[in-house]
N, C-alpha and C. Protein backbone atom coordinates (compact mmCIF):
# COMPACT_ATOMS: atom_id res chain seq x y z
N MET A 1 5.95 14.93 24.05
CA MET A 1 6.90 14.21 23.04
C MET A 1 6.34 15.00 21.87
N LYS A 2 7.06 15.69 21.08
CA LYS A 2 6.62 16.51 19.83
C LYS A 2 7.12 15.59 18.68
N LEU A 3 6.39 15.32 17.66
CA LEU A 3 6.79 14.73 16.42
C LEU A 3 6.87 15.52 15.21
N GLN A 4 7.71 15.63 14.59
CA GLN A 4 7.71 16.29 13.35
C GLN A 4 7.91 15.66 12.11
N TYR A 5 7.40 15.76 11.28
CA TYR A 5 7.39 15.13 10.03
C TYR A 5 7.67 16.23 8.84
N ASP A 6 8.47 15.90 7.41
CA ASP A 6 8.38 16.74 6.57
C ASP A 6 7.09 16.61 5.65
N TYR A 7 6.50 15.26 5.39
CA TYR A 7 5.19 14.86 4.77
C TYR A 7 4.43 14.08 5.80
N VAL A 8 3.11 14.07 5.57
CA VAL A 8 2.27 13.26 6.22
C VAL A 8 1.46 12.68 4.72
N ILE A 9 1.39 11.25 4.75
CA ILE A 9 0.77 10.71 3.53
C ILE A 9 -0.54 10.02 4.02
N ILE A 10 -1.57 10.28 3.58
CA ILE A 10 -2.88 9.62 3.93
C ILE A 10 -3.15 8.52 3.17
N GLY A 11 -3.15 7.16 3.65
CA GLY A 11 -3.48 6.27 2.88
C GLY A 11 -2.35 5.51 2.41
N SER A 12 -2.13 4.22 2.61
CA SER A 12 -0.94 3.32 2.10
C SER A 12 -1.23 2.42 0.97
N GLY A 13 -2.18 2.85 -0.04
CA GLY A 13 -2.51 2.13 -1.18
C GLY A 13 -1.37 2.49 -1.97
N PHE A 14 -1.46 2.16 -3.34
CA PHE A 14 -0.39 2.11 -4.59
C PHE A 14 0.41 3.66 -4.18
N GLY A 15 -0.44 4.57 -4.44
CA GLY A 15 -0.11 5.95 -4.70
C GLY A 15 0.60 6.38 -3.46
N GLY A 16 0.05 6.14 -2.27
CA GLY A 16 0.60 6.58 -1.05
C GLY A 16 2.03 5.83 -0.54
N SER A 17 1.82 4.47 -0.77
CA SER A 17 3.04 3.94 -0.60
C SER A 17 4.18 4.05 -1.43
N VAL A 18 3.96 4.33 -2.83
CA VAL A 18 5.43 4.84 -3.76
C VAL A 18 5.48 6.30 -3.29
N SER A 19 4.69 7.30 -3.15
CA SER A 19 4.85 8.71 -2.76
C SER A 19 5.88 8.55 -1.35
N ALA A 20 5.61 7.76 -0.27
CA ALA A 20 6.41 7.55 1.01
C ALA A 20 7.57 7.09 0.67
N LEU A 21 7.69 6.02 -0.24
CA LEU A 21 8.81 5.33 -0.33
C LEU A 21 9.88 6.32 -1.10
N ARG A 22 9.26 7.10 -2.32
CA ARG A 22 10.17 7.98 -2.83
C ARG A 22 10.76 9.05 -2.04
N LEU A 23 9.86 9.73 -1.22
CA LEU A 23 10.06 10.80 -0.34
C LEU A 23 11.13 10.52 0.75
N ALA A 24 11.01 9.17 1.35
CA ALA A 24 11.92 8.57 2.43
C ALA A 24 13.42 8.33 1.82
N GLU A 25 13.30 7.98 0.46
CA GLU A 25 14.70 7.79 -0.13
C GLU A 25 15.29 9.05 -0.53
N LYS A 26 14.71 10.07 -0.61
CA LYS A 26 15.41 11.43 -0.81
C LYS A 26 15.78 11.82 0.78
N GLY A 27 15.30 11.41 2.13
CA GLY A 27 15.81 11.80 3.09
C GLY A 27 14.85 12.54 3.81
N TYR A 28 13.60 12.57 3.58
CA TYR A 28 12.57 13.44 4.27
C TYR A 28 11.85 12.62 5.42
N LYS A 29 11.52 13.00 6.16
CA LYS A 29 10.93 12.25 7.33
C LYS A 29 9.45 12.26 6.92
N VAL A 30 8.97 11.07 6.93
CA VAL A 30 7.39 10.73 6.27
C VAL A 30 6.54 9.97 7.52
N LEU A 31 5.39 10.44 7.61
CA LEU A 31 4.31 9.83 8.40
C LEU A 31 3.17 9.20 7.48
N VAL A 32 3.03 7.93 7.49
CA VAL A 32 1.88 7.40 6.68
C VAL A 32 0.85 6.89 7.53
N LEU A 33 -0.34 7.44 7.24
CA LEU A 33 -1.40 7.42 8.14
C LEU A 33 -2.51 6.26 7.62
N GLU A 34 -2.89 5.21 8.02
CA GLU A 34 -3.96 4.05 7.44
C GLU A 34 -5.02 4.07 8.59
N ARG A 35 -5.94 3.88 8.12
CA ARG A 35 -7.14 3.61 8.74
C ARG A 35 -8.15 2.68 8.05
N GLU A 36 -8.00 1.24 8.35
CA GLU A 36 -8.96 0.32 7.63
C GLU A 36 -9.78 -0.50 8.62
N VAL A 37 -10.96 -0.21 8.51
CA VAL A 37 -12.01 -1.24 9.52
C VAL A 37 -12.54 -2.28 8.73
N VAL A 38 -12.53 -3.44 8.95
CA VAL A 38 -12.89 -4.39 8.16
C VAL A 38 -13.63 -5.33 9.13
N PRO A 39 -14.89 -5.58 9.01
CA PRO A 39 -15.66 -6.50 10.09
C PRO A 39 -15.15 -7.74 10.05
N ARG A 40 -15.25 -8.59 11.04
CA ARG A 40 -14.76 -9.77 11.26
C ARG A 40 -15.58 -10.65 10.14
N GLY A 41 -14.96 -11.52 9.40
CA GLY A 41 -15.71 -12.33 8.53
C GLY A 41 -15.92 -11.86 7.06
N ARG A 42 -15.44 -10.55 6.93
CA ARG A 42 -15.66 -10.09 5.61
C ARG A 42 -14.52 -10.18 4.67
N LEU A 43 -13.39 -10.52 4.95
CA LEU A 43 -12.30 -10.87 4.21
C LEU A 43 -12.34 -12.60 3.83
N PRO A 44 -11.97 -12.94 2.69
CA PRO A 44 -11.62 -14.37 2.63
C PRO A 44 -10.65 -14.85 3.29
N PRO A 45 -10.56 -15.98 3.57
CA PRO A 45 -9.14 -16.68 4.29
C PRO A 45 -8.09 -16.73 3.48
N PHE A 46 -8.36 -16.98 1.95
CA PHE A 46 -7.47 -16.90 1.06
C PHE A 46 -7.83 -16.59 -0.50
N ASN A 47 -7.02 -16.63 -1.20
CA ASN A 47 -7.36 -16.32 -2.62
C ASN A 47 -6.65 -17.01 -3.50
N TRP A 48 -7.12 -18.19 -4.37
CA TRP A 48 -5.92 -18.71 -5.16
C TRP A 48 -6.06 -18.35 -6.49
N ASN A 49 -6.74 -17.51 -6.85
CA ASN A 49 -6.94 -16.64 -8.16
C ASN A 49 -5.75 -15.82 -8.45
N LEU A 50 -4.49 -16.12 -8.61
CA LEU A 50 -3.58 -15.16 -8.66
C LEU A 50 -3.67 -14.46 -9.86
N ARG A 51 -3.99 -14.99 -11.10
CA ARG A 51 -4.17 -14.31 -12.25
C ARG A 51 -5.07 -12.86 -12.01
N LYS A 52 -5.92 -12.76 -11.07
CA LYS A 52 -6.88 -11.49 -10.72
C LYS A 52 -5.87 -10.53 -10.13
N TRP A 53 -5.11 -10.90 -9.16
CA TRP A 53 -4.33 -9.99 -8.38
C TRP A 53 -2.90 -9.61 -8.50
N LEU A 54 -2.44 -10.38 -9.42
CA LEU A 54 -1.00 -10.17 -10.03
C LEU A 54 -0.83 -9.70 -11.47
N TRP A 55 0.35 -8.89 -11.56
CA TRP A 55 0.55 -8.79 -12.98
C TRP A 55 2.25 -9.03 -12.97
N MET A 56 2.17 -10.36 -13.80
CA MET A 56 3.50 -10.44 -14.13
C MET A 56 3.53 -11.13 -15.70
N PRO A 57 3.82 -10.17 -16.53
CA PRO A 57 3.80 -10.44 -18.02
C PRO A 57 4.40 -11.78 -18.47
N ARG A 58 5.55 -12.05 -17.80
CA ARG A 58 6.34 -13.23 -18.21
C ARG A 58 5.62 -14.68 -18.10
N LEU A 59 4.70 -14.27 -16.75
CA LEU A 59 3.99 -15.64 -16.64
C LEU A 59 2.69 -15.62 -16.98
N ARG A 60 2.41 -14.55 -18.07
CA ARG A 60 0.94 -14.11 -18.58
C ARG A 60 -0.09 -13.99 -17.56
N PHE A 61 0.31 -13.34 -16.43
CA PHE A 61 -0.69 -12.93 -15.30
C PHE A 61 -0.94 -11.47 -15.71
N LEU A 62 -2.36 -11.10 -16.06
CA LEU A 62 -2.53 -9.80 -16.10
C LEU A 62 -3.76 -9.25 -15.34
N VAL A 63 -3.86 -8.06 -15.35
CA VAL A 63 -4.92 -7.64 -14.06
C VAL A 63 -5.96 -7.12 -15.36
N LEU A 64 -7.40 -7.80 -15.31
CA LEU A 64 -8.13 -7.27 -16.39
C LEU A 64 -9.06 -6.42 -15.75
């Protein structure tokens, strides 16, 4: 099976995901590659500090 894409995006961070979206909206075939290896127990189970992670000016949430 031969796969063909117009663009290959490495990483699905903010820049990669926006680029992939814009290209796909224009009709291009886009492949997004992501590799994230996080050892078990390294990520917190939750984060209630929304002000740190969200940017919502109307609610006065700002990224500092």
